[in-house]
Amino acid sequence: THIHVRTTSRDSSRDQQFAEAVRRDAPVPPAGGILYVVNAPKGLTFFGDSRLEQLTQLYLPVGTVRSLEPADAAEAHAALTAADRIYRYAP
């Protein structure tokens, strides 16, 4: 699968680092769960979550991925279902 985007080499490198970290570290939520990503690269979330979701799906069998701002992550814990997971990306 290929995703073609117009980006700078710096963005591309950052996205690749993110993809490698997702493959290595991100938890896989059970079926029906949502993977919330804190601190995702801004280039992936500039147009909403679709690019973040597409890139994540290349490496994890996750159907729904959403971006969370770091300030919102603590609040999100209260609303998580048993299947949801939060992944904090630390570049």
PDB file of N, CA and C in Angstrom:
ATOM      1  N   THR A   1       0.850  -1.187   0.000  1.00  0.00           N
ATOM      2  CA  THR A   1       0.000   0.000   0.000  1.00  0.00           C
ATOM      3  C   THR A   1       0.883   1.233   0.000  1.00  0.00           C
ATOM      4  N   HIS A   2       0.501   2.210  -0.794  1.00  0.00           N
ATOM      5  CA  HIS A   2       1.274   3.446  -0.858  1.00  0.00           C
ATOM      6  C   HIS A   2       0.358   4.625  -0.567  1.00  0.00           C
ATOM      7  N   ILE A   3       0.882   5.576   0.173  1.00  0.00           N
ATOM      8  CA  ILE A   3       0.167   6.824   0.412  1.00  0.00           C
ATOM      9  C   ILE A   3       1.004   7.942  -0.182  1.00  0.00           C
ATOM     10  N   HIS A   4       0.420   8.674  -1.111  1.00  0.00           N
ATOM     11  CA  HIS A   4       1.148   9.764  -1.757  1.00  0.00           C
ATOM     12  C   HIS A   4       0.663  11.089  -1.184  1.00  0.00           C
ATOM     13  N   VAL A   5       1.569  11.842  -0.635  1.00  0.00           N
ATOM     14  CA  VAL A   5       1.233  13.158  -0.109  1.00  0.00           C
ATOM     15  C   VAL A   5       2.298  14.145  -0.541  1.00  0.00           C
ATOM     16  N   ARG A   6       1.900  15.389  -0.649  1.00  0.00           N
ATOM     17  CA  ARG A   6       2.875  16.446  -0.911  1.00  0.00           C
ATOM     18  C   ARG A   6       3.425  16.891   0.422  1.00  0.00           C
ATOM     19  N   THR A   7       4.695  16.747   0.596  1.00  0.00           N
ATOM     20  CA  THR A   7       5.295  17.039   1.886  1.00  0.00           C
ATOM     21  C   THR A   7       6.751  17.421   1.691  1.00  0.00           C
ATOM     22  N   THR A   8       7.341  17.969   2.705  1.00  0.00           N
ATOM     23  CA  THR A   8       8.760  18.279   2.645  1.00  0.00           C
ATOM     24  C   THR A   8       9.552  17.065   3.112  1.00  0.00           C
ATOM     25  N   SER A   9      10.846  17.062   2.840  1.00  0.00           N
ATOM     26  CA  SER A   9      11.659  15.937   3.285  1.00  0.00           C
ATOM     27  C   SER A   9      11.694  15.858   4.805  1.00  0.00           C
ATOM     28  N   ARG A  10      11.635  17.014   5.454  1.00  0.00           N
ATOM     29  CA  ARG A  10      11.619  17.016   6.921  1.00  0.00           C
ATOM     30  C   ARG A  10      10.344  16.363   7.444  1.00  0.00           C
ATOM     31  N   ASP A  11       9.197  16.714   6.834  1.00  0.00           N
ATOM     32  CA  ASP A  11       7.932  16.097   7.223  1.00  0.00           C
ATOM     33  C   ASP A  11       7.956  14.604   6.951  1.00  0.00           C
ATOM     34  N   SER A  12       8.513  14.230   5.805  1.00  0.00           N
ATOM     35  CA  SER A  12       8.566  12.821   5.439  1.00  0.00           C
ATOM     36  C   SER A  12       9.393  12.034   6.445  1.00  0.00           C
ATOM     37  N   SER A  13      10.506  12.575   6.854  1.00  0.00           N
ATOM     38  CA  SER A  13      11.354  11.914   7.839  1.00  0.00           C
ATOM     39  C   SER A  13      10.627  11.779   9.172  1.00  0.00           C
ATOM     40  N   ARG A  14       9.937  12.834   9.569  1.00  0.00           N
ATOM     41  CA  ARG A  14       9.188  12.810  10.828  1.00  0.00           C
ATOM     42  C   ARG A  14       8.058  11.780  10.768  1.00  0.00           C
ATOM     43  N   ASP A  15       7.365  11.722   9.632  1.00  0.00           N
ATOM     44  CA  ASP A  15       6.289  10.750   9.469  1.00  0.00           C
ATOM     45  C   ASP A  15       6.839   9.329   9.513  1.00  0.00           C
ATOM     46  N   GLN A  16       8.010   9.112   8.927  1.00  0.00           N
ATOM     47  CA  GLN A  16       8.624   7.788   8.951  1.00  0.00           C
ATOM     48  C   GLN A  16       8.994   7.395  10.377  1.00  0.00           C
ATOM     49  N   GLN A  17       9.521   8.340  11.138  1.00  0.00           N
ATOM     50  CA  GLN A  17       9.845   8.056  12.541  1.00  0.00           C
ATOM     51  C   GLN A  17       8.581   7.705  13.319  1.00  0.00           C
ATOM     52  N   PHE A  18       7.513   8.442  13.049  1.00  0.00           N
ATOM     53  CA  PHE A  18       6.238   8.156  13.698  1.00  0.00           C
ATOM     54  C   PHE A  18       5.757   6.759  13.332  1.00  0.00           C
ATOM     55  N   ALA A  19       5.812   6.416  12.040  1.00  0.00           N
ATOM     56  CA  ALA A  19       5.353   5.104  11.585  1.00  0.00           C
ATOM     57  C   ALA A  19       6.151   3.984  12.246  1.00  0.00           C
ATOM     58  N   GLU A  20       7.459   4.166  12.371  1.00  0.00           N
ATOM     59  CA  GLU A  20       8.291   3.151  13.013  1.00  0.00           C
ATOM     60  C   GLU A  20       7.940   3.010  14.493  1.00  0.00           C
ATOM     61  N   ALA A  21       7.661   4.136  15.145  1.00  0.00           N
ATOM     62  CA  ALA A  21       7.287   4.094  16.557  1.00  0.00           C
ATOM     63  C   ALA A  21       5.930   3.426  16.743  1.00  0.00           C
ATOM     64  N   VAL A  22       4.993   3.703  15.852  1.00  0.00           N
ATOM     65  CA  VAL A  22       3.677   3.058  15.914  1.00  0.00           C
ATOM     66  C   VAL A  22       3.840   1.547  15.806  1.00  0.00           C
ATOM     67  N   ARG A  23       4.604   1.126  14.823  1.00  0.00           N
ATOM     68  CA  ARG A  23       4.800  -0.309  14.594  1.00  0.00           C
ATOM     69  C   ARG A  23       5.445  -0.968  15.821  1.00  0.00           C
ATOM     70  N   ARG A  24       6.346  -0.245  16.470  1.00  0.00           N
ATOM     71  CA  ARG A  24       7.098  -0.797  17.596  1.00  0.00           C
ATOM     72  C   ARG A  24       6.339  -0.701  18.928  1.00  0.00           C
ATOM     73  N   ASP A  25       5.660   0.419  19.171  1.00  0.00           N
ATOM     74  CA  ASP A  25       5.199   0.719  20.527  1.00  0.00           C
ATOM     75  C   ASP A  25       3.703   0.873  20.741  1.00  0.00           C
ATOM     76  N   ALA A  26       2.949   1.189  19.709  1.00  0.00           N
ATOM     77  CA  ALA A  26       1.543   1.527  19.934  1.00  0.00           C
ATOM     78  C   ALA A  26       0.724   0.298  20.331  1.00  0.00           C
ATOM     79  N   PRO A  27      -0.145   0.440  21.320  1.00  0.00           N
ATOM     80  CA  PRO A  27      -0.999  -0.683  21.720  1.00  0.00           C
ATOM     81  C   PRO A  27      -2.104  -0.888  20.692  1.00  0.00           C
ATOM     82  N   VAL A  28      -2.490  -2.119  20.481  1.00  0.00           N
ATOM     83  CA  VAL A  28      -3.568  -2.436  19.547  1.00  0.00           C
ATOM     84  C   VAL A  28      -4.852  -2.625  20.350  1.00  0.00           C
ATOM     85  N   PRO A  29      -5.846  -1.771  20.137  1.00  0.00           N
ATOM     86  CA  PRO A  29      -7.090  -1.942  20.895  1.00  0.00           C
ATOM     87  C   PRO A  29      -7.875  -3.155  20.387  1.00  0.00           C
ATOM     88  N   PRO A  30      -8.664  -3.772  21.244  1.00  0.00           N
ATOM     89  CA  PRO A  30      -9.525  -4.856  20.802  1.00  0.00           C
ATOM     90  C   PRO A  30     -10.534  -4.364  19.768  1.00  0.00           C
ATOM     91  N   ALA A  31     -11.201  -5.299  19.111  1.00  0.00           N
ATOM     92  CA  ALA A  31     -12.196  -4.944  18.095  1.00  0.00           C
ATOM     93  C   ALA A  31     -13.211  -3.971  18.675  1.00  0.00           C
ATOM     94  N   GLY A  32     -13.482  -2.924  17.908  1.00  0.00           N
ATOM     95  CA  GLY A  32     -14.436  -1.915  18.346  1.00  0.00           C
ATOM     96  C   GLY A  32     -13.820  -0.795  19.163  1.00  0.00           C
ATOM     97  N   GLY A  33     -12.550  -0.930  19.507  1.00  0.00           N
ATOM     98  CA  GLY A  33     -11.886   0.111  20.287  1.00  0.00           C
ATOM     99  C   GLY A  33     -11.305   1.195  19.396  1.00  0.00           C
ATOM    100  N   ILE A  34     -10.895   2.277  20.013  1.00  0.00           N
ATOM    101  CA  ILE A  34     -10.292   3.406  19.313  1.00  0.00           C
ATOM    102  C   ILE A  34      -8.871   3.588  19.834  1.00  0.00           C
ATOM    103  N   LEU A  35      -7.943   3.815  18.926  1.00  0.00           N
ATOM    104  CA  LEU A  35      -6.582   4.165  19.314  1.00  0.00           C
ATOM    105  C   LEU A  35      -6.469   5.678  19.268  1.00  0.00           C
ATOM    106  N   TYR A  36      -6.266   6.303  20.414  1.00  0.00           N
ATOM    107  CA  TYR A  36      -6.064   7.738  20.491  1.00  0.00           C
ATOM    108  C   TYR A  36      -4.567   8.003  20.509  1.00  0.00           C
ATOM    109  N   VAL A  37      -4.099   8.845  19.607  1.00  0.00           N
ATOM    110  CA  VAL A  37      -2.679   9.158  19.515  1.00  0.00           C
ATOM    111  C   VAL A  37      -2.442  10.565  20.039  1.00  0.00           C
ATOM    112  N   VAL A  38      -1.614  10.658  21.057  1.00  0.00           N
ATOM    113  CA  VAL A  38      -1.239  11.948  21.625  1.00  0.00           C
ATOM    114  C   VAL A  38       0.088  12.365  21.010  1.00  0.00           C
ATOM    115  N   ASN A  39       0.161  13.600  20.529  1.00  0.00           N
ATOM    116  CA  ASN A  39       1.398  14.160  19.998  1.00  0.00           C
ATOM    117  C   ASN A  39       1.763  13.576  18.630  1.00  0.00           C
ATOM    118  N   ALA A  40       0.757  13.299  17.819  1.00  0.00           N
ATOM    119  CA  ALA A  40       1.031  12.842  16.456  1.00  0.00           C
ATOM    120  C   ALA A  40       1.654  13.978  15.658  1.00  0.00           C
ATOM    121  N   PRO A  41       2.459  13.662  14.636  1.00  0.00           N
ATOM    122  CA  PRO A  41       3.038  14.727  13.807  1.00  0.00           C
ATOM    123  C   PRO A  41       1.947  15.610  13.215  1.00  0.00           C
ATOM    124  N   LYS A  42       2.159  16.905  13.258  1.00  0.00           N
ATOM    125  CA  LYS A  42       1.131  17.842  12.797  1.00  0.00           C
ATOM    126  C   LYS A  42       0.800  17.662  11.322  1.00  0.00           C
ATOM    127  N   GLY A  43       1.771  17.246  10.527  1.00  0.00           N
ATOM    128  CA  GLY A  43       1.485  17.035   9.113  1.00  0.00           C
ATOM    129  C   GLY A  43       0.444  15.967   8.863  1.00  0.00           C
ATOM    130  N   LEU A  44       0.327  15.023   9.793  1.00  0.00           N
ATOM    131  CA  LEU A  44      -0.634  13.942   9.629  1.00  0.00           C
ATOM    132  C   LEU A  44      -2.027  14.349  10.070  1.00  0.00           C
ATOM    133  N   THR A  45      -2.117  15.351  10.900  1.00  0.00           N
ATOM    134  CA  THR A  45      -3.425  15.719  11.434  1.00  0.00           C
ATOM    135  C   THR A  45      -3.932  17.058  10.904  1.00  0.00           C
ATOM    136  N   PHE A  46      -3.169  17.668  10.017  1.00  0.00           N
ATOM    137  CA  PHE A  46      -3.556  18.978   9.497  1.00  0.00           C
ATOM    138  C   PHE A  46      -4.889  18.921   8.770  1.00  0.00           C
ATOM    139  N   PHE A  47      -5.136  17.822   8.069  1.00  0.00           N
ATOM    140  CA  PHE A  47      -6.391  17.668   7.334  1.00  0.00           C
ATOM    141  C   PHE A  47      -7.371  16.771   8.086  1.00  0.00           C
ATOM    142  N   GLY A  48      -7.284  16.741   9.383  1.00  0.00           N
ATOM    143  CA  GLY A  48      -8.136  15.859  10.164  1.00  0.00           C
ATOM    144  C   GLY A  48      -7.399  14.562  10.456  1.00  0.00           C
ATOM    145  N   ASP A  49      -8.142  13.546  10.864  1.00  0.00           N
ATOM    146  CA  ASP A  49      -7.523  12.293  11.277  1.00  0.00           C
ATOM    147  C   ASP A  49      -7.329  11.298  10.144  1.00  0.00           C
ATOM    148  N   SER A  50      -7.773  11.598   8.939  1.00  0.00           N
ATOM    149  CA  SER A  50      -7.750  10.579   7.881  1.00  0.00           C
ATOM    150  C   SER A  50      -6.338  10.130   7.543  1.00  0.00           C
ATOM    151  N   ARG A  51      -5.391  11.048   7.461  1.00  0.00           N
ATOM    152  CA  ARG A  51      -4.018  10.642   7.130  1.00  0.00           C
ATOM    153  C   ARG A  51      -3.384   9.876   8.282  1.00  0.00           C
ATOM    154  N   LEU A  52      -3.653  10.304   9.497  1.00  0.00           N
ATOM    155  CA  LEU A  52      -3.163   9.588  10.670  1.00  0.00           C
ATOM    156  C   LEU A  52      -3.699   8.161  10.673  1.00  0.00           C
ATOM    157  N   GLU A  53      -4.984   8.018  10.385  1.00  0.00           N
ATOM    158  CA  GLU A  53      -5.608   6.694  10.375  1.00  0.00           C
ATOM    159  C   GLU A  53      -5.026   5.827   9.262  1.00  0.00           C
ATOM    160  N   GLN A  54      -4.831   6.394   8.074  1.00  0.00           N
ATOM    161  CA  GLN A  54      -4.281   5.624   6.964  1.00  0.00           C
ATOM    162  C   GLN A  54      -2.872   5.130   7.262  1.00  0.00           C
ATOM    163  N   LEU A  55      -2.036   6.016   7.785  1.00  0.00           N
ATOM    164  CA  LEU A  55      -0.659   5.619   8.063  1.00  0.00           C
ATOM    165  C   LEU A  55      -0.611   4.559   9.164  1.00  0.00           C
ATOM    166  N   THR A  56      -1.412   4.730  10.191  1.00  0.00           N
ATOM    167  CA  THR A  56      -1.427   3.768  11.284  1.00  0.00           C
ATOM    168  C   THR A  56      -1.895   2.401  10.808  1.00  0.00           C
ATOM    169  N   GLN A  57      -2.879   2.383   9.907  1.00  0.00           N
ATOM    170  CA  GLN A  57      -3.415   1.115   9.434  1.00  0.00           C
ATOM    171  C   GLN A  57      -2.410   0.314   8.607  1.00  0.00           C
ATOM    172  N   LEU A  58      -1.364   0.956   8.127  1.00  0.00           N
ATOM    173  CA  LEU A  58      -0.327   0.209   7.419  1.00  0.00           C
ATOM    174  C   LEU A  58       0.416  -0.732   8.356  1.00  0.00           C
ATOM    175  N   TYR A  59       0.420  -0.410   9.638  1.00  0.00           N
ATOM    176  CA  TYR A  59       1.234  -1.164  10.594  1.00  0.00           C
ATOM    177  C   TYR A  59       0.431  -1.869  11.670  1.00  0.00           C
ATOM    178  N   LEU A  60      -0.758  -1.389  11.974  1.00  0.00           N
ATOM    179  CA  LEU A  60      -1.575  -1.993  13.026  1.00  0.00           C
ATOM    180  C   LEU A  60      -2.976  -2.287  12.500  1.00  0.00           C
ATOM    181  N   PRO A  61      -3.570  -3.380  12.931  1.00  0.00           N
ATOM    182  CA  PRO A  61      -4.936  -3.702  12.498  1.00  0.00           C
ATOM    183  C   PRO A  61      -5.973  -2.908  13.287  1.00  0.00           C
ATOM    184  N   VAL A  62      -5.904  -1.602  13.162  1.00  0.00           N
ATOM    185  CA  VAL A  62      -6.779  -0.722  13.936  1.00  0.00           C
ATOM    186  C   VAL A  62      -7.740  -0.022  12.994  1.00  0.00           C
ATOM    187  N   GLY A  63      -9.025  -0.085  13.288  1.00  0.00           N
ATOM    188  CA  GLY A  63     -10.019   0.525  12.413  1.00  0.00           C
ATOM    189  C   GLY A  63     -10.201   2.010  12.644  1.00  0.00           C
ATOM    190  N   THR A  64     -10.063   2.465  13.870  1.00  0.00           N
ATOM    191  CA  THR A  64     -10.333   3.866  14.175  1.00  0.00           C
ATOM    192  C   THR A  64      -9.172   4.462  14.962  1.00  0.00           C
ATOM    193  N   VAL A  65      -8.619   5.539  14.421  1.00  0.00           N
ATOM    194  CA  VAL A  65      -7.516   6.237  15.083  1.00  0.00           C
ATOM    195  C   VAL A  65      -7.881   7.712  15.150  1.00  0.00           C
ATOM    196  N   ARG A  66      -7.722   8.311  16.301  1.00  0.00           N
ATOM    197  CA  ARG A  66      -8.026   9.721  16.474  1.00  0.00           C
ATOM    198  C   ARG A  66      -6.850  10.411  17.149  1.00  0.00           C
ATOM    199  N   SER A  67      -6.679  11.676  16.831  1.00  0.00           N
ATOM    200  CA  SER A  67      -5.611  12.471  17.426  1.00  0.00           C
ATOM    201  C   SER A  67      -6.121  13.158  18.683  1.00  0.00           C
ATOM    202  N   LEU A  68      -5.273  13.212  19.688  1.00  0.00           N
ATOM    203  CA  LEU A  68      -5.578  13.940  20.915  1.00  0.00           C
ATOM    204  C   LEU A  68      -4.459  14.933  21.193  1.00  0.00           C
ATOM    205  N   GLU A  69      -4.814  16.115  21.607  1.00  0.00           N
ATOM    206  CA  GLU A  69      -3.823  17.067  22.073  1.00  0.00           C
ATOM    207  C   GLU A  69      -3.355  16.628  23.459  1.00  0.00           C
ATOM    208  N   PRO A  70      -2.099  16.884  23.792  1.00  0.00           N
ATOM    209  CA  PRO A  70      -1.607  16.468  25.111  1.00  0.00           C
ATOM    210  C   PRO A  70      -2.472  16.969  26.269  1.00  0.00           C
ATOM    211  N   ALA A  71      -2.974  18.177  26.161  1.00  0.00           N
ATOM    212  CA  ALA A  71      -3.790  18.726  27.248  1.00  0.00           C
ATOM    213  C   ALA A  71      -5.113  17.987  27.417  1.00  0.00           C
ATOM    214  N   ASP A  72      -5.592  17.349  26.337  1.00  0.00           N
ATOM    215  CA  ASP A  72      -6.877  16.648  26.391  1.00  0.00           C
ATOM    216  C   ASP A  72      -6.740  15.193  26.822  1.00  0.00           C
ATOM    217  N   ALA A  73      -5.522  14.669  26.858  1.00  0.00           N
ATOM    218  CA  ALA A  73      -5.331  13.241  27.112  1.00  0.00           C
ATOM    219  C   ALA A  73      -5.806  12.834  28.507  1.00  0.00           C
ATOM    220  N   ALA A  74      -5.557  13.675  29.501  1.00  0.00           N
ATOM    221  CA  ALA A  74      -5.978  13.328  30.865  1.00  0.00           C
ATOM    222  C   ALA A  74      -7.492  13.248  30.957  1.00  0.00           C
ATOM    223  N   GLU A  75      -8.190  14.188  30.316  1.00  0.00           N
ATOM    224  CA  GLU A  75      -9.646  14.163  30.317  1.00  0.00           C
ATOM    225  C   GLU A  75     -10.184  12.951  29.585  1.00  0.00           C
ATOM    226  N   ALA A  76      -9.493  12.526  28.536  1.00  0.00           N
ATOM    227  CA  ALA A  76      -9.971  11.414  27.722  1.00  0.00           C
ATOM    228  C   ALA A  76     -10.039  10.125  28.522  1.00  0.00           C
ATOM    229  N   HIS A  77      -9.158   9.969  29.497  1.00  0.00           N
ATOM    230  CA  HIS A  77      -9.161   8.737  30.288  1.00  0.00           C
ATOM    231  C   HIS A  77     -10.524   8.462  30.901  1.00  0.00           C
ATOM    232  N   ALA A  78     -11.210   9.504  31.316  1.00  0.00           N
ATOM    233  CA  ALA A  78     -12.515   9.328  31.957  1.00  0.00           C
ATOM    234  C   ALA A  78     -13.570   8.820  30.991  1.00  0.00           C
ATOM    235  N   ALA A  79     -13.385   9.079  29.699  1.00  0.00           N
ATOM    236  CA  ALA A  79     -14.396   8.713  28.717  1.00  0.00           C
ATOM    237  C   ALA A  79     -14.054   7.447  27.925  1.00  0.00           C
ATOM    238  N   LEU A  80     -12.908   6.821  28.209  1.00  0.00           N
ATOM    239  CA  LEU A  80     -12.500   5.649  27.443  1.00  0.00           C
ATOM    240  C   LEU A  80     -13.396   4.451  27.733  1.00  0.00           C
ATOM    241  N   THR A  81     -13.654   3.668  26.692  1.00  0.00           N
ATOM    242  CA  THR A  81     -14.303   2.380  26.905  1.00  0.00           C
ATOM    243  C   THR A  81     -13.218   1.374  27.263  1.00  0.00           C
ATOM    244  N   ALA A  82     -13.619   0.198  27.640  1.00  0.00           N
ATOM    245  CA  ALA A  82     -12.645  -0.836  28.014  1.00  0.00           C
ATOM    246  C   ALA A  82     -11.746  -1.212  26.844  1.00  0.00           C
ATOM    247  N   ALA A  83     -12.209  -0.996  25.608  1.00  0.00           N
ATOM    248  CA  ALA A  83     -11.441  -1.389  24.423  1.00  0.00           C
ATOM    249  C   ALA A  83     -10.518  -0.280  23.913  1.00  0.00           C
ATOM    250  N   ASP A  84     -10.749   0.960  24.330  1.00  0.00           N
ATOM    251  CA  ASP A  84      -9.958   2.077  23.813  1.00  0.00           C
ATOM    252  C   ASP A  84      -8.549   2.076  24.391  1.00  0.00           C
ATOM    253  N   ARG A  85      -7.620   2.628  23.614  1.00  0.00           N
ATOM    254  CA  ARG A  85      -6.238   2.731  24.059  1.00  0.00           C
ATOM    255  C   ARG A  85      -5.704   4.127  23.733  1.00  0.00           C
ATOM    256  N   ILE A  86      -4.785   4.609  24.539  1.00  0.00           N
ATOM    257  CA  ILE A  86      -4.096   5.875  24.256  1.00  0.00           C
ATOM    258  C   ILE A  86      -2.621   5.579  24.026  1.00  0.00           C
ATOM    259  N   TYR A  87      -2.094   6.130  22.949  1.00  0.00           N
ATOM    260  CA  TYR A  87      -0.682   5.983  22.640  1.00  0.00           C
ATOM    261  C   TYR A  87      -0.046   7.355  22.666  1.00  0.00           C
ATOM    262  N   ARG A  88       0.968   7.536  23.485  1.00  0.00           N
ATOM    263  CA  ARG A  88       1.672   8.812  23.566  1.00  0.00           C
ATOM    264  C   ARG A  88       2.947   8.725  22.739  1.00  0.00           C
ATOM    265  N   TYR A  89       2.940   9.428  21.625  1.00  0.00           N
ATOM    266  CA  TYR A  89       4.119   9.421  20.745  1.00  0.00           C
ATOM    267  C   TYR A  89       5.118  10.419  21.296  1.00  0.00           C
ATOM    268  N   ALA A  90       6.345   9.957  21.517  1.00  0.00           N
ATOM    269  CA  ALA A  90       7.408  10.815  22.054  1.00  0.00           C
ATOM    270  C   ALA A  90       8.581  10.811  21.082  1.00  0.00           C
ATOM    271  N   PRO A  91       8.608  11.752  20.141  1.00  0.00           N
ATOM    272  CA  PRO A  91       9.682  11.764  19.142  1.00  0.00           C
ATOM    273  C   PRO A  91      11.044  12.073  19.787  1.00  0.00           C
TER     274      PRO A  91
END
